[in-house]
Each structure stands twice: as structure tokens, then as C-alpha cells.
């Protein structure tokens, strides 16, 4: 099996052959058409071989292993206990009632003229 760089050199040679045969075909030589197709076919097969070699070389490379993340377990935080609301004394209740029952002063209406 050839190396990747050698495979590329072979492909370049095939491409040069295709260019040469196409120039002669454009010049009017019908006999160069099968040679151009043959060169293109060899270019195709060598490119497929190169693709296979690339895949094999990648598979043979060592794989980096990921380090596993450490799971840190935090201790549960205690929930704060609610503080009891103080119950109002009867005097405070009376003051609240008075404050809520006070009537609002009536507003003066503006006269429109």
C-alpha cells in the first residue's frame, strides 16, 4: 500500500494525462477520447483508494480519553423555620379598626366653566 503523499502524486499524474488528452481531443483527434476517459477512470479509482487510506489512518490514531467529571454532592441546607407572627393585643385591634373605618374627606369638585 502506498502512502498518502504517493497516492496524491499518482492522482496528479492522472490529471495531467487527462488534460493532455482533452487538449488533443479539442484539437480534433477523436482517438484521444477513450484515453481521456481511461485516465479519468483511473483518477476516480485512485481517489477512492485515497479516501479509504485516509479513513484507515484516522482509525489507527490514538483516541484521547475524556476525563470523567467528578460529581460533588453538597450537603443539604437546612430550611429556616418561620418565625411566628405576634398576635395583636385587644388595644391594637381597636386601633386598627378605627384606622380602617375612618371616612375619607370628600374632595371638592372642580367647576367647569
C-alpha atoms as a PDB file:
ATOM      1  CA  UNK A   1       0.000   0.000   0.000  1.00  0.00           C
ATOM      2  CA  UNK A   2       1.333   3.410  -0.924  1.00  0.00           C
ATOM      3  CA  UNK A   3       1.496   6.360   1.408  1.00  0.00           C
ATOM      4  CA  UNK A   4      -0.942   9.228   1.228  1.00  0.00           C
ATOM      5  CA  UNK A   5       1.556  11.599  -0.409  1.00  0.00           C
ATOM      6  CA  UNK A   6       2.486   8.983  -3.024  1.00  0.00           C
ATOM      7  CA  UNK A   7      -1.193   8.443  -3.773  1.00  0.00           C
ATOM      8  CA  UNK A   8      -1.625  12.186  -4.362  1.00  0.00           C
ATOM      9  CA  UNK A   9       1.331  12.198  -6.776  1.00  0.00           C
ATOM     10  CA  UNK A  10      -0.286   9.383  -8.772  1.00  0.00           C
ATOM     11  CA  UNK A  11      -3.523  11.355  -8.901  1.00  0.00           C
ATOM     12  CA  UNK A  12      -1.667  14.423 -10.175  1.00  0.00           C
ATOM     13  CA  UNK A  13      -0.118  12.350 -12.964  1.00  0.00           C
ATOM     14  CA  UNK A  14      -3.552  11.011 -13.927  1.00  0.00           C
ATOM     15  CA  UNK A  15      -4.918  14.549 -14.003  1.00  0.00           C
ATOM     16  CA  UNK A  16      -2.067  15.705 -16.242  1.00  0.00           C
ATOM     17  CA  UNK A  17      -2.826  12.800 -18.617  1.00  0.00           C
ATOM     18  CA  UNK A  18      -6.494  13.848 -18.704  1.00  0.00           C
ATOM     19  CA  UNK A  19      -5.530  17.450 -19.532  1.00  0.00           C
ATOM     20  CA  UNK A  20      -3.196  16.322 -22.323  1.00  0.00           C
ATOM     21  CA  UNK A  21      -5.830  14.033 -23.874  1.00  0.00           C
ATOM     22  CA  UNK A  22      -8.542  16.704 -23.641  1.00  0.00           C
ATOM     23  CA  UNK A  23      -6.332  19.223 -25.426  1.00  0.00           C
ATOM     24  CA  UNK A  24      -5.752  16.755 -28.245  1.00  0.00           C
ATOM     25  CA  UNK A  25      -9.500  15.996 -28.332  1.00  0.00           C
ATOM     26  CA  UNK A  26     -10.262  19.701 -28.655  1.00  0.00           C
ATOM     27  CA  UNK A  27      -7.687  19.831 -31.443  1.00  0.00           C
ATOM     28  CA  UNK A  28      -9.810  17.397 -33.420  1.00  0.00           C
ATOM     29  CA  UNK A  29      -8.328  13.951 -32.595  1.00  0.00           C
ATOM     30  CA  UNK A  30     -11.223  11.566 -31.940  1.00  0.00           C
ATOM     31  CA  UNK A  31      -8.886   8.785 -30.836  1.00  0.00           C
ATOM     32  CA  UNK A  32      -7.924  10.702 -27.682  1.00  0.00           C
ATOM     33  CA  UNK A  33     -11.451  10.458 -26.224  1.00  0.00           C
ATOM     34  CA  UNK A  34     -11.115   6.849 -24.947  1.00  0.00           C
ATOM     35  CA  UNK A  35      -7.686   7.644 -23.483  1.00  0.00           C
ATOM     36  CA  UNK A  36      -9.151  10.680 -21.653  1.00  0.00           C
ATOM     37  CA  UNK A  37     -11.979   8.548 -20.258  1.00  0.00           C
ATOM     38  CA  UNK A  38      -9.471   5.888 -19.207  1.00  0.00           C
ATOM     39  CA  UNK A  39      -7.376   8.487 -17.389  1.00  0.00           C
ATOM     40  CA  UNK A  40     -10.473   9.863 -15.668  1.00  0.00           C
ATOM     41  CA  UNK A  41     -11.455   6.360 -14.564  1.00  0.00           C
ATOM     42  CA  UNK A  42      -8.009   5.739 -13.085  1.00  0.00           C
ATOM     43  CA  UNK A  43      -8.234   9.135 -11.338  1.00  0.00           C
ATOM     44  CA  UNK A  44     -11.562   8.080  -9.854  1.00  0.00           C
ATOM     45  CA  UNK A  45     -10.273   4.735  -8.585  1.00  0.00           C
ATOM     46  CA  UNK A  46      -7.165   6.300  -7.080  1.00  0.00           C
ATOM     47  CA  UNK A  47      -9.271   8.941  -5.309  1.00  0.00           C
ATOM     48  CA  UNK A  48     -11.476   6.227  -3.799  1.00  0.00           C
ATOM     49  CA  UNK A  49      -8.369   4.354  -2.676  1.00  0.00           C
ATOM     50  CA  UNK A  50      -7.043   7.564  -1.117  1.00  0.00           C
ATOM     51  CA  UNK A  51     -10.304   8.057   0.760  1.00  0.00           C
ATOM     52  CA  UNK A  52     -10.070   4.525   2.176  1.00  0.00           C
ATOM     53  CA  UNK A  53      -6.471   5.102   3.244  1.00  0.00           C
ATOM     54  CA  UNK A  54      -7.434   8.326   4.993  1.00  0.00           C
ATOM     55  CA  UNK A  55     -10.191   6.572   6.940  1.00  0.00           C
ATOM     56  CA  UNK A  56      -7.825   3.754   7.932  1.00  0.00           C
ATOM     57  CA  UNK A  57      -5.132   6.181   9.063  1.00  0.00           C
ATOM     58  CA  UNK A  58      -7.624   8.116  11.167  1.00  0.00           C
ATOM     59  CA  UNK A  59      -8.880   4.913  12.783  1.00  0.00           C
ATOM     60  CA  UNK A  60      -5.335   3.869  13.659  1.00  0.00           C
ATOM     61  CA  UNK A  61      -4.651   7.120  15.511  1.00  0.00           C
ATOM     62  CA  UNK A  62      -4.896   7.016  19.309  1.00  0.00           C
ATOM     63  CA  UNK A  63      -8.078   8.338  20.811  1.00  0.00           C
ATOM     64  CA  UNK A  64      -7.970  10.956  23.514  1.00  0.00           C
ATOM     65  CA  UNK A  65      -9.918   9.847  26.529  1.00  0.00           C
ATOM     66  CA  UNK A  66     -12.072  12.355  28.259  1.00  0.00           C
ATOM     67  CA  UNK A  67     -11.666  12.689  31.952  1.00  0.00           C
ATOM     68  CA  UNK A  68     -14.804  11.972  33.859  1.00  0.00           C
ATOM     69  CA  UNK A  69     -16.299  14.826  35.768  1.00  0.00           C
ATOM     70  CA  UNK A  70     -16.402  14.371  39.494  1.00  0.00           C
ATOM     71  CA  UNK A  71     -19.831  14.610  40.984  1.00  0.00           C
ATOM     72  CA  UNK A  72     -19.750  16.814  44.036  1.00  0.00           C
ATOM     73  CA  UNK A  73     -22.585  16.187  46.457  1.00  0.00           C
ATOM     74  CA  UNK A  74     -23.348  19.216  48.556  1.00  0.00           C
ATOM     75  CA  UNK A  75     -24.878  18.707  51.974  1.00  0.00           C
ATOM     76  CA  UNK A  76     -28.491  19.809  52.115  1.00  0.00           C
ATOM     77  CA  UNK A  77     -29.002  23.269  53.521  1.00  0.00           C
ATOM     78  CA  UNK A  78     -31.440  23.420  56.424  1.00  0.00           C
ATOM     79  CA  UNK A  79     -34.629  25.305  55.712  1.00  0.00           C
ATOM     80  CA  UNK A  80     -35.194  28.222  58.046  1.00  0.00           C
ATOM     81  CA  UNK A  81     -38.115  27.847  60.376  1.00  0.00           C
ATOM     82  CA  UNK A  82     -40.702  30.577  60.012  1.00  0.00           C
ATOM     83  CA  UNK A  83     -40.983  32.945  62.936  1.00  0.00           C
ATOM     84  CA  UNK A  84     -44.477  33.098  64.398  1.00  0.00           C
ATOM     85  CA  UNK A  85     -46.306  36.357  63.882  1.00  0.00           C
ATOM     86  CA  UNK A  86     -47.242  38.051  67.139  1.00  0.00           C
ATOM     87  CA  UNK A  87     -50.932  38.122  67.908  1.00  0.00           C
ATOM     88  CA  UNK A  88     -52.251  41.651  68.309  1.00  0.00           C
ATOM     89  CA  UNK A  89     -53.488  42.752  71.701  1.00  0.00           C
ATOM     90  CA  UNK A  90     -57.088  43.911  72.054  1.00  0.00           C
ATOM     91  CA  UNK A  91     -55.900  47.529  72.179  1.00  0.00           C
ATOM     92  CA  UNK A  92     -54.032  47.139  68.884  1.00  0.00           C
ATOM     93  CA  UNK A  93     -57.092  45.550  67.285  1.00  0.00           C
ATOM     94  CA  UNK A  94     -59.259  48.519  68.276  1.00  0.00           C
ATOM     95  CA  UNK A  95     -56.721  50.966  66.817  1.00  0.00           C
ATOM     96  CA  UNK A  96     -56.657  49.037  63.532  1.00  0.00           C
ATOM     97  CA  UNK A  97     -60.437  49.082  63.334  1.00  0.00           C
ATOM     98  CA  UNK A  98     -60.521  52.816  63.937  1.00  0.00           C
ATOM     99  CA  UNK A  99     -57.896  53.410  61.259  1.00  0.00           C
ATOM    100  CA  UNK A 100     -59.764  51.318  58.704  1.00  0.00           C
ATOM    101  CA  UNK A 101     -63.176  52.837  59.448  1.00  0.00           C
ATOM    102  CA  UNK A 102     -62.100  56.455  59.155  1.00  0.00           C
ATOM    103  CA  UNK A 103     -64.004  58.145  56.419  1.00  0.00           C
ATOM    104  CA  UNK A 104     -62.122  59.825  53.662  1.00  0.00           C
ATOM    105  CA  UNK A 105     -62.675  63.540  53.349  1.00  0.00           C
ATOM    106  CA  UNK A 106     -64.835  64.390  50.393  1.00  0.00           C
ATOM    107  CA  UNK A 107     -62.995  66.057  47.574  1.00  0.00           C
ATOM    108  CA  UNK A 108     -64.015  69.360  46.225  1.00  0.00           C
ATOM    109  CA  UNK A 109     -65.420  69.175  42.772  1.00  0.00           C
ATOM    110  CA  UNK A 110     -63.922  71.465  40.212  1.00  0.00           C
ATOM    111  CA  UNK A 111     -66.419  73.518  38.409  1.00  0.00           C
ATOM    112  CA  UNK A 112     -66.101  73.553  34.702  1.00  0.00           C
ATOM    113  CA  UNK A 113     -66.898  76.866  33.102  1.00  0.00           C
END
